[in-house]
Amino acid sequence: MKTIRITGRGQIRVTPDKTRILIALNDVCGEYAKALEKATEERQALQGVVKQFGFADGDLKTLNFNVDPEYEGYEENGIYKQRFKGYRYYHQLKLEFPSDNERLGKVLFALAKSGLKPEFHIGFFASDPESVRNTLLADAMTDAKDKALALTAAAGVSLGEIQSIDYAKADLNVSVNTMRMPMMAKGMAVEECCDSFDMNIQPDDIELTDTVTVIWEIA
């Protein structure tokens, strides 16, 4: 049996439709118990802030939490030494919602006024990666078939049944990070006449590619 092996390439552009805010809270306390207590208090305060904008308790999710001893270096009589500074807690949380610049601006403004001193990473992503993958694979299959038909027509043979389809599933990166805001840890100047930051953000489309290899019988 004669066959032809073709690799099709799919390519699509996806517009992100959801926003993700990664929020990091951290500080150093002299005692381990105090570090845990303060981390808990800040988590509760953060929850109170975002609930003003229609978020439920379960919408604010913890990604990472740890408490570790921290030391600082110093020099004494020409000798470098270290001494215990305290316990640093680090709490990273995420908040996701359908993209809405007005809502994003209100949330960030409220957090800037809260005194929590968080750091932010703001990103955007596609909410249905499986649908994106299916569309991408369909495009790759169409490309493979178009190539196969063109080649067999040029060679004067006919395209028969598909004998195999080879596809190695890979993770699709359907997100784009657009902004990091460490300045909130130092305090931001907040206009009293306003209740929101003007977040006029339009994330770039996400360009994705994938391939599929198909073997057809030819006659």
N, C-alpha and C. Protein backbone atom coordinates (compact mmCIF):
# COMPACT_ATOMS: atom_id res chain seq x y z
N MET A 1 0.85 -1.20 0.00
CA MET A 1 0.00 0.00 0.00
C MET A 1 0.88 1.24 0.00
N LYS A 2 0.57 2.16 -0.90
CA LYS A 2 1.30 3.40 -0.96
C LYS A 2 0.61 4.45 -0.08
N THR A 3 1.42 5.26 0.57
CA THR A 3 0.86 6.27 1.47
C THR A 3 1.55 7.61 1.27
N ILE A 4 0.92 8.62 1.78
CA ILE A 4 1.51 9.96 1.81
C ILE A 4 1.37 10.49 3.23
N ARG A 5 2.44 11.05 3.73
CA ARG A 5 2.48 11.56 5.11
C ARG A 5 2.57 13.08 5.07
N ILE A 6 1.60 13.73 5.70
CA ILE A 6 1.52 15.19 5.65
C ILE A 6 1.39 15.75 7.07
N THR A 7 2.12 16.81 7.34
CA THR A 7 1.99 17.53 8.61
C THR A 7 1.25 18.84 8.36
N GLY A 8 0.11 18.98 9.01
CA GLY A 8 -0.67 20.20 8.90
C GLY A 8 -0.39 21.13 10.06
N ARG A 9 -0.44 22.40 9.78
CA ARG A 9 -0.15 23.41 10.81
C ARG A 9 -1.38 24.29 11.02
N GLY A 10 -1.84 24.34 12.27
CA GLY A 10 -2.95 25.22 12.60
C GLY A 10 -2.45 26.48 13.28
N GLN A 11 -3.10 27.58 12.99
CA GLN A 11 -2.71 28.85 13.60
C GLN A 11 -3.96 29.70 13.80
N ILE A 12 -4.16 30.16 15.04
CA ILE A 12 -5.31 31.01 15.33
C ILE A 12 -4.87 32.13 16.27
N ARG A 13 -5.68 33.17 16.30
CA ARG A 13 -5.48 34.27 17.24
C ARG A 13 -6.71 34.32 18.16
N VAL A 14 -6.43 34.40 19.46
CA VAL A 14 -7.50 34.37 20.45
C VAL A 14 -7.47 35.65 21.26
N THR A 15 -8.63 36.26 21.43
CA THR A 15 -8.73 37.47 22.24
C THR A 15 -9.00 37.08 23.69
N PRO A 16 -8.14 37.45 24.63
CA PRO A 16 -8.39 37.12 26.05
C PRO A 16 -9.70 37.73 26.51
N ASP A 17 -10.46 36.94 27.29
CA ASP A 17 -11.75 37.43 27.76
C ASP A 17 -11.88 37.44 29.28
N LYS A 18 -10.81 37.04 29.99
CA LYS A 18 -10.84 37.07 31.45
C LYS A 18 -9.58 37.74 31.99
N THR A 19 -9.73 38.34 33.16
CA THR A 19 -8.63 39.04 33.83
C THR A 19 -8.24 38.27 35.08
N ARG A 20 -6.93 38.20 35.31
CA ARG A 20 -6.41 37.55 36.53
C ARG A 20 -5.53 38.55 37.28
N ILE A 21 -5.84 38.78 38.54
CA ILE A 21 -4.98 39.60 39.40
C ILE A 21 -4.28 38.68 40.38
N LEU A 22 -2.96 38.65 40.34
CA LEU A 22 -2.17 37.93 41.34
C LEU A 22 -1.77 38.93 42.40
N ILE A 23 -2.12 38.65 43.64
CA ILE A 23 -1.90 39.58 44.75
C ILE A 23 -0.94 38.94 45.74
N ALA A 24 0.14 39.63 46.05
CA ALA A 24 1.13 39.11 47.00
C ALA A 24 1.17 40.01 48.24
N LEU A 25 1.03 39.38 49.40
CA LEU A 25 1.13 40.07 50.68
C LEU A 25 2.30 39.45 51.44
N ASN A 26 3.18 40.28 51.97
CA ASN A 26 4.28 39.73 52.76
C ASN A 26 4.82 40.77 53.72
N ASP A 27 5.34 40.29 54.84
CA ASP A 27 5.92 41.16 55.85
C ASP A 27 6.72 40.30 56.82
N VAL A 28 7.50 40.96 57.67
CA VAL A 28 8.31 40.26 58.67
C VAL A 28 7.79 40.59 60.07
N CYS A 29 7.58 39.57 60.88
CA CYS A 29 7.14 39.73 62.27
C CYS A 29 8.15 39.05 63.19
N GLY A 30 8.25 39.54 64.39
CA GLY A 30 9.23 39.02 65.32
C GLY A 30 8.94 37.61 65.79
N GLU A 31 7.67 37.22 65.82
CA GLU A 31 7.30 35.90 66.30
C GLU A 31 6.53 35.14 65.22
N TYR A 32 6.68 33.83 65.23
CA TYR A 32 6.01 32.98 64.24
C TYR A 32 4.49 33.12 64.34
N ALA A 33 3.98 33.07 65.58
CA ALA A 33 2.54 33.19 65.78
C ALA A 33 2.02 34.53 65.29
N LYS A 34 2.80 35.58 65.48
CA LYS A 34 2.39 36.90 65.04
C LYS A 34 2.34 36.98 63.51
N ALA A 35 3.30 36.30 62.86
CA ALA A 35 3.30 36.27 61.40
C ALA A 35 2.05 35.59 60.86
N LEU A 36 1.67 34.47 61.48
CA LEU A 36 0.45 33.77 61.08
C LEU A 36 -0.79 34.63 61.33
N GLU A 37 -0.80 35.29 62.46
CA GLU A 37 -1.94 36.13 62.81
C GLU A 37 -2.10 37.29 61.83
N LYS A 38 -0.99 37.94 61.52
CA LYS A 38 -1.07 39.09 60.61
C LYS A 38 -1.46 38.65 59.20
N ALA A 39 -0.92 37.52 58.76
CA ALA A 39 -1.27 37.00 57.44
C ALA A 39 -2.77 36.71 57.37
N THR A 40 -3.32 36.14 58.43
CA THR A 40 -4.76 35.83 58.48
C THR A 40 -5.57 37.12 58.45
N GLU A 41 -5.16 38.11 59.22
CA GLU A 41 -5.87 39.39 59.26
C GLU A 41 -5.87 40.07 57.89
N GLU A 42 -4.73 40.03 57.20
CA GLU A 42 -4.64 40.67 55.90
C GLU A 42 -5.50 39.93 54.87
N ARG A 43 -5.53 38.61 54.98
CA ARG A 43 -6.39 37.82 54.08
C ARG A 43 -7.86 38.19 54.27
N GLN A 44 -8.27 38.35 55.50
CA GLN A 44 -9.65 38.73 55.79
C GLN A 44 -9.95 40.15 55.31
N ALA A 45 -8.99 41.04 55.51
CA ALA A 45 -9.17 42.43 55.05
C ALA A 45 -9.26 42.48 53.53
N LEU A 46 -8.42 41.69 52.86
CA LEU A 46 -8.45 41.64 51.41
C LEU A 46 -9.78 41.11 50.91
N GLN A 47 -10.29 40.09 51.58
CA GLN A 47 -11.59 39.54 51.22
C GLN A 47 -12.69 40.60 51.36
N GLY A 48 -12.61 41.38 52.44
CA GLY A 48 -13.59 42.44 52.65
C GLY A 48 -13.56 43.49 51.56
N VAL A 49 -12.36 43.80 51.06
CA VAL A 49 -12.23 44.80 50.01
C VAL A 49 -12.89 44.32 48.72
N VAL A 50 -12.56 43.09 48.29
CA VAL A 50 -13.06 42.64 46.99
C VAL A 50 -14.55 42.31 47.02
N LYS A 51 -15.09 41.99 48.19
CA LYS A 51 -16.52 41.69 48.27
C LYS A 51 -17.37 42.91 47.92
N GLN A 52 -16.80 44.11 48.03
CA GLN A 52 -17.54 45.32 47.66
C GLN A 52 -17.89 45.34 46.17
N PHE A 53 -17.17 44.54 45.39
CA PHE A 53 -17.33 44.60 43.94
C PHE A 53 -17.93 43.31 43.38
N GLY A 54 -18.72 42.65 44.21
CA GLY A 54 -19.50 41.51 43.75
C GLY A 54 -18.79 40.17 43.77
N PHE A 55 -17.64 40.09 44.42
CA PHE A 55 -16.93 38.82 44.49
C PHE A 55 -17.41 38.02 45.70
N ALA A 56 -17.53 36.71 45.51
CA ALA A 56 -17.90 35.81 46.60
C ALA A 56 -16.65 35.40 47.38
N ASP A 57 -16.87 34.81 48.55
CA ASP A 57 -15.74 34.39 49.39
C ASP A 57 -14.81 33.45 48.65
N GLY A 58 -15.37 32.55 47.85
CA GLY A 58 -14.54 31.56 47.17
C GLY A 58 -13.80 32.07 45.95
N ASP A 59 -14.06 33.32 45.55
CA ASP A 59 -13.40 33.86 44.35
C ASP A 59 -11.94 34.23 44.60
N LEU A 60 -11.60 34.55 45.85
CA LEU A 60 -10.23 34.91 46.19
C LEU A 60 -9.52 33.64 46.64
N LYS A 61 -8.62 33.12 45.81
CA LYS A 61 -8.01 31.82 46.06
C LYS A 61 -6.52 31.94 46.37
N THR A 62 -6.06 31.15 47.33
CA THR A 62 -4.65 31.12 47.70
C THR A 62 -3.88 30.22 46.73
N LEU A 63 -2.79 30.75 46.20
CA LEU A 63 -1.90 29.98 45.34
C LEU A 63 -0.67 29.49 46.10
N ASN A 64 -0.19 30.30 47.03
CA ASN A 64 1.04 29.97 47.75
C ASN A 64 1.02 30.67 49.10
N PHE A 65 1.40 29.92 50.14
CA PHE A 65 1.50 30.52 51.47
C PHE A 65 2.62 29.84 52.24
N ASN A 66 3.54 30.64 52.78
CA ASN A 66 4.59 30.08 53.61
C ASN A 66 5.08 31.11 54.61
N VAL A 67 5.65 30.60 55.69
CA VAL A 67 6.26 31.43 56.72
C VAL A 67 7.66 30.87 56.97
N ASP A 68 8.68 31.69 56.78
CA ASP A 68 10.06 31.24 56.90
C ASP A 68 10.87 32.21 57.75
N PRO A 69 11.87 31.68 58.48
CA PRO A 69 12.76 32.57 59.23
C PRO A 69 13.58 33.43 58.28
N GLU A 70 13.82 34.66 58.68
CA GLU A 70 14.61 35.56 57.84
C GLU A 70 15.77 36.11 58.66
N TYR A 71 16.91 36.22 58.00
CA TYR A 71 18.13 36.70 58.65
C TYR A 71 18.66 37.91 57.89
N GLU A 72 19.41 38.72 58.57
CA GLU A 72 20.05 39.86 57.94
C GLU A 72 21.54 39.83 58.23
N GLY A 73 22.31 40.29 57.27
CA GLY A 73 23.75 40.30 57.44
C GLY A 73 24.25 41.61 58.05
N TYR A 74 25.31 41.51 58.78
CA TYR A 74 25.94 42.71 59.34
C TYR A 74 27.43 42.41 59.55
N GLU A 75 28.19 43.47 59.73
CA GLU A 75 29.64 43.32 59.91
C GLU A 75 30.03 43.79 61.30
N GLU A 76 30.81 43.00 61.98
CA GLU A 76 31.27 43.33 63.32
C GLU A 76 32.77 43.04 63.43
N ASN A 77 33.54 44.10 63.69
CA ASN A 77 35.00 43.97 63.80
C ASN A 77 35.60 43.32 62.56
N GLY A 78 35.08 43.74 61.41
CA GLY A 78 35.61 43.22 60.15
C GLY A 78 35.15 41.83 59.80
N ILE A 79 34.24 41.25 60.58
CA ILE A 79 33.75 39.90 60.32
C ILE A 79 32.27 39.96 59.94
N TYR A 80 31.96 39.31 58.84
CA TYR A 80 30.56 39.28 58.38
C TYR A 80 29.79 38.25 59.19
N LYS A 81 28.63 38.67 59.73
CA LYS A 81 27.81 37.77 60.54
C LYS A 81 26.35 37.88 60.11
N GLN A 82 25.57 36.98 60.62
CA GLN A 82 24.13 37.01 60.37
C GLN A 82 23.39 36.96 61.70
N ARG A 83 22.25 37.64 61.73
CA ARG A 83 21.42 37.59 62.92
C ARG A 83 19.97 37.41 62.52
N PHE A 84 19.22 36.81 63.40
CA PHE A 84 17.82 36.54 63.16
C PHE A 84 17.03 37.83 63.12
N LYS A 85 16.23 37.99 62.07
CA LYS A 85 15.44 39.21 61.90
C LYS A 85 13.98 38.98 62.27
N GLY A 86 13.47 37.80 62.03
CA GLY A 86 12.06 37.51 62.31
C GLY A 86 11.54 36.45 61.37
N TYR A 87 10.22 36.37 61.26
CA TYR A 87 9.58 35.41 60.38
C TYR A 87 8.84 36.17 59.28
N ARG A 88 9.18 35.84 58.04
CA ARG A 88 8.51 36.48 56.91
C ARG A 88 7.40 35.56 56.38
N TYR A 89 6.21 36.10 56.32
CA TYR A 89 5.12 35.36 55.68
C TYR A 89 4.97 35.87 54.26
N TYR A 90 4.62 34.97 53.38
CA TYR A 90 4.37 35.31 51.98
C TYR A 90 3.07 34.63 51.57
N HIS A 91 2.12 35.43 51.16
CA HIS A 91 0.80 34.92 50.79
C HIS A 91 0.46 35.43 49.40
N GLN A 92 0.36 34.51 48.45
CA GLN A 92 -0.01 34.88 47.09
C GLN A 92 -1.41 34.36 46.80
N LEU A 93 -2.26 35.25 46.30
CA LEU A 93 -3.64 34.91 46.00
C LEU A 93 -3.97 35.33 44.57
N LYS A 94 -5.05 34.77 44.06
CA LYS A 94 -5.48 35.18 42.72
C LYS A 94 -6.97 35.51 42.73
N LEU A 95 -7.32 36.42 41.85
CA LEU A 95 -8.70 36.84 41.67
C LEU A 95 -8.95 36.89 40.17
N GLU A 96 -9.95 36.13 39.69
CA GLU A 96 -10.24 36.06 38.26
C GLU A 96 -11.68 36.49 38.01
N PHE A 97 -11.88 37.18 36.89
CA PHE A 97 -13.23 37.64 36.53
C PHE A 97 -13.28 38.01 35.05
N PRO A 98 -14.47 38.00 34.45
CA PRO A 98 -14.59 38.43 33.05
C PRO A 98 -14.01 39.84 32.88
N SER A 99 -13.22 40.00 31.85
CA SER A 99 -12.49 41.27 31.66
C SER A 99 -13.42 42.46 31.65
N ASP A 100 -13.09 43.43 32.48
CA ASP A 100 -13.90 44.63 32.66
C ASP A 100 -12.97 45.70 33.25
N ASN A 101 -12.53 46.63 32.41
CA ASN A 101 -11.57 47.64 32.86
C ASN A 101 -12.11 48.51 33.99
N GLU A 102 -13.40 48.78 33.96
CA GLU A 102 -13.98 49.60 35.02
C GLU A 102 -13.92 48.87 36.37
N ARG A 103 -14.30 47.60 36.34
CA ARG A 103 -14.25 46.82 37.58
C ARG A 103 -12.80 46.66 38.07
N LEU A 104 -11.88 46.42 37.14
CA LEU A 104 -10.47 46.30 37.49
C LEU A 104 -9.96 47.57 38.15
N GLY A 105 -10.31 48.72 37.57
CA GLY A 105 -9.86 50.00 38.13
C GLY A 105 -10.40 50.24 39.52
N LYS A 106 -11.65 49.86 39.75
CA LYS A 106 -12.26 50.04 41.08
C LYS A 106 -11.60 49.14 42.13
N VAL A 107 -11.32 47.88 41.74
CA VAL A 107 -10.69 46.95 42.68
C VAL A 107 -9.29 47.45 43.06
N LEU A 108 -8.50 47.84 42.07
CA LEU A 108 -7.14 48.30 42.36
C LEU A 108 -7.14 49.58 43.18
N PHE A 109 -8.08 50.46 42.90
CA PHE A 109 -8.17 51.71 43.65
C PHE A 109 -8.50 51.43 45.11
N ALA A 110 -9.46 50.52 45.34
CA ALA A 110 -9.84 50.18 46.71
C ALA A 110 -8.69 49.54 47.46
N LEU A 111 -7.93 48.70 46.79
CA LEU A 111 -6.79 48.05 47.43
C LEU A 111 -5.68 49.06 47.72
N ALA A 112 -5.52 50.04 46.84
CA ALA A 112 -4.50 51.07 47.07
C ALA A 112 -4.82 51.89 48.32
N LYS A 113 -6.11 52.06 48.61
CA LYS A 113 -6.53 52.83 49.78
C LYS A 113 -6.64 51.98 51.05
N SER A 114 -6.49 50.66 50.91
CA SER A 114 -6.77 49.76 52.04
C SER A 114 -5.65 49.72 53.08
N GLY A 115 -4.44 50.13 52.71
CA GLY A 115 -3.32 50.05 53.64
C GLY A 115 -2.68 48.67 53.70
N LEU A 116 -3.09 47.75 52.84
CA LEU A 116 -2.54 46.40 52.87
C LEU A 116 -1.16 46.30 52.21
N LYS A 117 -0.80 47.25 51.38
CA LYS A 117 0.49 47.29 50.69
C LYS A 117 0.76 46.03 49.87
N PRO A 118 -0.16 45.65 49.02
CA PRO A 118 0.07 44.45 48.20
C PRO A 118 0.90 44.76 46.95
N GLU A 119 1.42 43.72 46.35
CA GLU A 119 2.02 43.82 45.03
C GLU A 119 1.12 43.06 44.06
N PHE A 120 1.09 43.51 42.80
CA PHE A 120 0.17 42.94 41.84
C PHE A 120 0.87 42.50 40.56
N HIS A 121 0.36 41.44 40.00
CA HIS A 121 0.62 41.08 38.61
C HIS A 121 -0.75 40.96 37.96
N ILE A 122 -0.96 41.68 36.89
CA ILE A 122 -2.24 41.64 36.19
C ILE A 122 -2.04 40.93 34.85
N GLY A 123 -2.85 39.93 34.59
CA GLY A 123 -2.76 39.19 33.34
C GLY A 123 -4.13 38.94 32.75
N PHE A 124 -4.14 38.47 31.51
CA PHE A 124 -5.38 38.20 30.80
C PHE A 124 -5.28 36.83 30.15
N PHE A 125 -6.40 36.13 30.05
CA PHE A 125 -6.36 34.78 29.49
C PHE A 125 -7.69 34.42 28.84
N ALA A 126 -7.65 33.38 28.03
CA ALA A 126 -8.85 32.86 27.39
C ALA A 126 -9.52 31.88 28.35
N SER A 127 -10.81 32.01 28.51
CA SER A 127 -11.51 31.24 29.55
C SER A 127 -11.83 29.81 29.15
N ASP A 128 -11.74 29.48 27.87
CA ASP A 128 -12.12 28.14 27.41
C ASP A 128 -10.99 27.54 26.57
N PRO A 129 -9.92 27.08 27.22
CA PRO A 129 -8.77 26.57 26.47
C PRO A 129 -9.08 25.34 25.63
N GLU A 130 -10.01 24.50 26.07
CA GLU A 130 -10.34 23.30 25.29
C GLU A 130 -11.00 23.66 23.96
N SER A 131 -11.85 24.66 23.99
CA SER A 131 -12.47 25.11 22.75
C SER A 131 -11.40 25.69 21.81
N VAL A 132 -10.45 26.42 22.39
CA VAL A 132 -9.35 26.96 21.60
C VAL A 132 -8.54 25.83 20.98
N ARG A 133 -8.25 24.79 21.78
CA ARG A 133 -7.48 23.65 21.27
C ARG A 133 -8.22 22.95 20.13
N ASN A 134 -9.51 22.75 20.29
CA ASN A 134 -10.29 22.06 19.25
C ASN A 134 -10.30 22.85 17.95
N THR A 135 -10.45 24.16 18.06
CA THR A 135 -10.43 25.01 16.87
C THR A 135 -9.07 24.96 16.19
N LEU A 136 -8.01 24.96 16.99
CA LEU A 136 -6.65 24.91 16.48
C LEU A 136 -6.38 23.60 15.74
N LEU A 137 -6.83 22.49 16.33
CA LEU A 137 -6.63 21.18 15.70
C LEU A 137 -7.44 21.04 14.41
N ALA A 138 -8.64 21.58 14.42
CA ALA A 138 -9.46 21.55 13.20
C ALA A 138 -8.76 22.31 12.08
N ASP A 139 -8.15 23.43 12.43
CA ASP A 139 -7.42 24.22 11.44
C ASP A 139 -6.21 23.45 10.92
N ALA A 140 -5.52 22.74 11.83
CA ALA A 140 -4.36 21.95 11.43
C ALA A 140 -4.77 20.80 10.50
N MET A 141 -5.89 20.14 10.80
CA MET A 141 -6.38 19.06 9.94
C MET A 141 -6.77 19.58 8.57
N THR A 142 -7.43 20.74 8.52
CA THR A 142 -7.79 21.34 7.24
C THR A 142 -6.55 21.65 6.42
N ASP A 143 -5.53 22.17 7.08
CA ASP A 143 -4.27 22.48 6.39
C ASP A 143 -3.62 21.21 5.86
N ALA A 144 -3.63 20.14 6.66
CA ALA A 144 -3.03 18.89 6.22
C ALA A 144 -3.76 18.33 4.99
N LYS A 145 -5.09 18.38 5.03
CA LYS A 145 -5.86 17.85 3.90
C LYS A 145 -5.66 18.68 2.64
N ASP A 146 -5.62 20.00 2.80
CA ASP A 146 -5.39 20.87 1.64
C ASP A 146 -4.04 20.56 0.99
N LYS A 147 -3.02 20.37 1.83
CA LYS A 147 -1.69 20.04 1.30
C LYS A 147 -1.70 18.68 0.59
N ALA A 148 -2.39 17.71 1.24
CA ALA A 148 -2.44 16.37 0.66
C ALA A 148 -3.14 16.39 -0.71
N LEU A 149 -4.25 17.11 -0.81
CA LEU A 149 -4.98 17.18 -2.08
C LEU A 149 -4.15 17.86 -3.15
N ALA A 150 -3.44 18.93 -2.78
CA ALA A 150 -2.61 19.64 -3.76
C ALA A 150 -1.47 18.76 -4.26
N LEU A 151 -0.83 18.02 -3.36
CA LEU A 151 0.30 17.18 -3.74
C LEU A 151 -0.15 15.98 -4.58
N THR A 152 -1.24 15.35 -4.18
CA THR A 152 -1.69 14.19 -4.96
C THR A 152 -2.19 14.60 -6.34
N ALA A 153 -2.83 15.76 -6.42
CA ALA A 153 -3.28 16.25 -7.73
C ALA A 153 -2.09 16.52 -8.63
N ALA A 154 -1.06 17.12 -8.07
CA ALA A 154 0.15 17.41 -8.85
C ALA A 154 0.85 16.14 -9.28
N ALA A 155 0.76 15.09 -8.45
CA ALA A 155 1.44 13.82 -8.75
C ALA A 155 0.59 12.90 -9.60
N GLY A 156 -0.66 13.26 -9.84
CA GLY A 156 -1.53 12.43 -10.66
C GLY A 156 -2.02 11.19 -9.97
N VAL A 157 -2.16 11.23 -8.66
CA VAL A 157 -2.70 10.09 -7.90
C VAL A 157 -3.90 10.59 -7.11
N SER A 158 -4.64 9.63 -6.56
CA SER A 158 -5.83 10.00 -5.80
C SER A 158 -5.62 9.74 -4.32
N LEU A 159 -6.28 10.54 -3.52
CA LEU A 159 -6.16 10.45 -2.06
C LEU A 159 -7.19 9.46 -1.54
N GLY A 160 -6.71 8.48 -0.74
CA GLY A 160 -7.61 7.48 -0.22
C GLY A 160 -7.98 7.72 1.23
N GLU A 161 -8.16 6.61 1.97
CA GLU A 161 -8.57 6.69 3.37
C GLU A 161 -7.41 7.10 4.27
N ILE A 162 -7.79 7.74 5.38
CA ILE A 162 -6.78 8.07 6.40
C ILE A 162 -6.34 6.79 7.09
N GLN A 163 -5.02 6.62 7.21
CA GLN A 163 -4.47 5.44 7.87
C GLN A 163 -4.10 5.72 9.32
N SER A 164 -3.66 6.91 9.60
CA SER A 164 -3.32 7.26 11.00
C SER A 164 -3.26 8.77 11.16
N ILE A 165 -3.48 9.20 12.38
CA ILE A 165 -3.36 10.61 12.76
C ILE A 165 -2.47 10.67 13.98
N ASP A 166 -1.43 11.44 13.90
CA ASP A 166 -0.47 11.55 15.00
C ASP A 166 -0.49 12.97 15.55
N TYR A 167 -0.82 13.06 16.83
CA TYR A 167 -0.87 14.36 17.48
C TYR A 167 -0.33 14.23 18.90
N ALA A 168 0.68 14.99 19.21
CA ALA A 168 1.27 14.99 20.56
C ALA A 168 0.68 16.17 21.32
N LYS A 169 -0.23 15.88 22.26
CA LYS A 169 -0.90 16.94 23.00
C LYS A 169 0.09 17.73 23.84
N ALA A 170 0.05 19.02 23.71
CA ALA A 170 0.94 19.90 24.47
C ALA A 170 0.10 20.95 25.19
N ASP A 171 0.67 21.51 26.25
CA ASP A 171 -0.03 22.56 26.98
C ASP A 171 -0.12 23.82 26.13
N LEU A 172 -1.28 24.42 26.13
CA LEU A 172 -1.47 25.67 25.40
C LEU A 172 -1.38 26.83 26.38
N ASN A 173 -0.56 27.79 26.06
CA ASN A 173 -0.47 29.00 26.89
C ASN A 173 -1.49 30.01 26.37
N VAL A 174 -2.63 30.06 27.04
CA VAL A 174 -3.71 30.94 26.58
C VAL A 174 -3.80 32.19 27.46
N SER A 175 -2.65 32.64 27.96
CA SER A 175 -2.64 33.82 28.82
C SER A 175 -1.55 34.77 28.38
N VAL A 176 -1.71 36.03 28.78
CA VAL A 176 -0.70 37.04 28.53
C VAL A 176 -0.61 37.95 29.74
N ASN A 177 0.60 38.14 30.27
CA ASN A 177 0.81 39.03 31.40
C ASN A 177 1.17 40.41 30.87
N THR A 178 0.48 41.42 31.36
CA THR A 178 0.68 42.75 30.79
C THR A 178 1.18 43.79 31.78
N MET A 179 1.07 43.54 33.07
CA MET A 179 1.38 44.62 34.00
C MET A 179 1.82 44.07 35.36
N ARG A 180 2.88 44.65 35.90
CA ARG A 180 3.30 44.36 37.26
C ARG A 180 3.26 45.66 38.04
N MET A 181 2.73 45.63 39.27
CA MET A 181 2.55 46.86 40.03
C MET A 181 3.14 46.72 41.43
N PRO A 182 4.49 46.76 41.56
CA PRO A 182 5.10 46.68 42.89
C PRO A 182 4.98 47.99 43.66
N MET A 183 4.61 49.07 42.97
CA MET A 183 4.59 50.39 43.62
C MET A 183 3.56 50.48 44.74
N MET A 184 2.57 49.60 44.74
CA MET A 184 1.57 49.67 45.80
C MET A 184 2.16 49.30 47.15
N ALA A 185 3.27 48.57 47.12
CA ALA A 185 3.91 48.22 48.38
C ALA A 185 4.50 49.45 49.06
N LYS A 186 4.74 50.51 48.29
CA LYS A 186 5.32 51.72 48.84
C LYS A 186 4.27 52.81 49.06
N GLY A 187 3.05 52.48 48.69
CA GLY A 187 1.98 53.46 48.85
C GLY A 187 1.81 54.26 47.58
N MET A 188 0.60 54.48 47.18
CA MET A 188 0.33 55.21 45.95
C MET A 188 -0.48 56.46 46.29
N ALA A 189 -0.21 57.50 45.54
CA ALA A 189 -0.99 58.72 45.71
C ALA A 189 -2.39 58.47 45.16
N VAL A 190 -3.39 58.63 46.00
CA VAL A 190 -4.76 58.33 45.61
C VAL A 190 -5.59 59.61 45.66
N GLU A 191 -6.21 59.91 44.53
CA GLU A 191 -7.04 61.11 44.45
C GLU A 191 -8.34 60.89 45.23
N GLU A 192 -8.63 61.78 46.16
CA GLU A 192 -9.84 61.64 46.97
C GLU A 192 -11.12 61.89 46.17
N CYS A 193 -10.98 62.59 45.04
CA CYS A 193 -12.17 62.92 44.27
C CYS A 193 -12.63 61.76 43.39
N CYS A 194 -11.86 60.71 43.34
CA CYS A 194 -12.17 59.59 42.46
C CYS A 194 -12.47 58.33 43.28
N ASP A 195 -13.01 57.32 42.61
CA ASP A 195 -13.22 56.04 43.27
C ASP A 195 -12.68 54.90 42.42
N SER A 196 -11.82 55.24 41.42
CA SER A 196 -11.33 54.21 40.52
C SER A 196 -10.09 54.72 39.79
N PHE A 197 -9.21 53.78 39.41
CA PHE A 197 -8.13 54.08 38.49
C PHE A 197 -8.67 53.92 37.07
N ASP A 198 -8.20 54.74 36.15
CA ASP A 198 -8.61 54.63 34.76
C ASP A 198 -7.74 53.56 34.09
N MET A 199 -8.23 52.33 34.07
CA MET A 199 -7.46 51.21 33.53
C MET A 199 -7.89 50.94 32.09
N ASN A 200 -7.36 51.74 31.18
CA ASN A 200 -7.70 51.58 29.77
C ASN A 200 -6.74 50.58 29.14
N ILE A 201 -6.96 49.30 29.42
CA ILE A 201 -6.06 48.24 28.99
C ILE A 201 -6.73 47.39 27.94
N GLN A 202 -6.04 47.18 26.83
CA GLN A 202 -6.52 46.28 25.79
C GLN A 202 -5.42 45.25 25.53
N PRO A 203 -5.52 44.06 26.11
CA PRO A 203 -4.45 43.07 25.93
C PRO A 203 -4.36 42.60 24.48
N ASP A 204 -3.16 42.28 24.06
CA ASP A 204 -2.93 41.79 22.72
C ASP A 204 -3.54 40.41 22.56
N ASP A 205 -3.93 40.09 21.32
CA ASP A 205 -4.42 38.74 21.05
C ASP A 205 -3.31 37.73 21.29
N ILE A 206 -3.70 36.52 21.64
CA ILE A 206 -2.76 35.42 21.85
C ILE A 206 -2.68 34.63 20.56
N GLU A 207 -1.48 34.50 20.02
CA GLU A 207 -1.29 33.74 18.78
C GLU A 207 -0.81 32.34 19.12
N LEU A 208 -1.55 31.34 18.65
CA LEU A 208 -1.26 29.95 18.97
C LEU A 208 -1.07 29.13 17.70
N THR A 209 -0.14 28.18 17.75
CA THR A 209 0.08 27.26 16.64
C THR A 209 0.19 25.84 17.17
N ASP A 210 -0.16 24.87 16.33
CA ASP A 210 -0.02 23.46 16.67
C ASP A 210 0.00 22.67 15.38
N THR A 211 0.49 21.43 15.45
CA THR A 211 0.60 20.60 14.26
C THR A 211 -0.04 19.23 14.48
N VAL A 212 -0.44 18.63 13.37
CA VAL A 212 -0.96 17.27 13.38
C VAL A 212 -0.42 16.58 12.12
N THR A 213 0.00 15.32 12.27
CA THR A 213 0.55 14.57 11.15
C THR A 213 -0.43 13.46 10.75
N VAL A 214 -0.76 13.43 9.46
CA VAL A 214 -1.76 12.49 8.95
C VAL A 214 -1.15 11.64 7.82
N ILE A 215 -1.44 10.36 7.85
CA ILE A 215 -1.02 9.46 6.77
C ILE A 215 -2.26 8.99 6.02
N TRP A 216 -2.25 9.25 4.70
CA TRP A 216 -3.34 8.82 3.80
C TRP A 216 -2.85 7.69 2.88
N GLU A 217 -3.77 6.88 2.53
CA GLU A 217 -3.50 5.91 1.45
C GLU A 217 -3.61 6.65 0.11
N ILE A 218 -2.77 6.34 -0.84
CA ILE A 218 -2.87 6.94 -2.17
C ILE A 218 -2.92 5.83 -3.22
N ALA A 219 -3.56 6.14 -4.34
CA ALA A 219 -3.68 5.13 -5.41
C ALA A 219 -3.53 5.82 -6.77
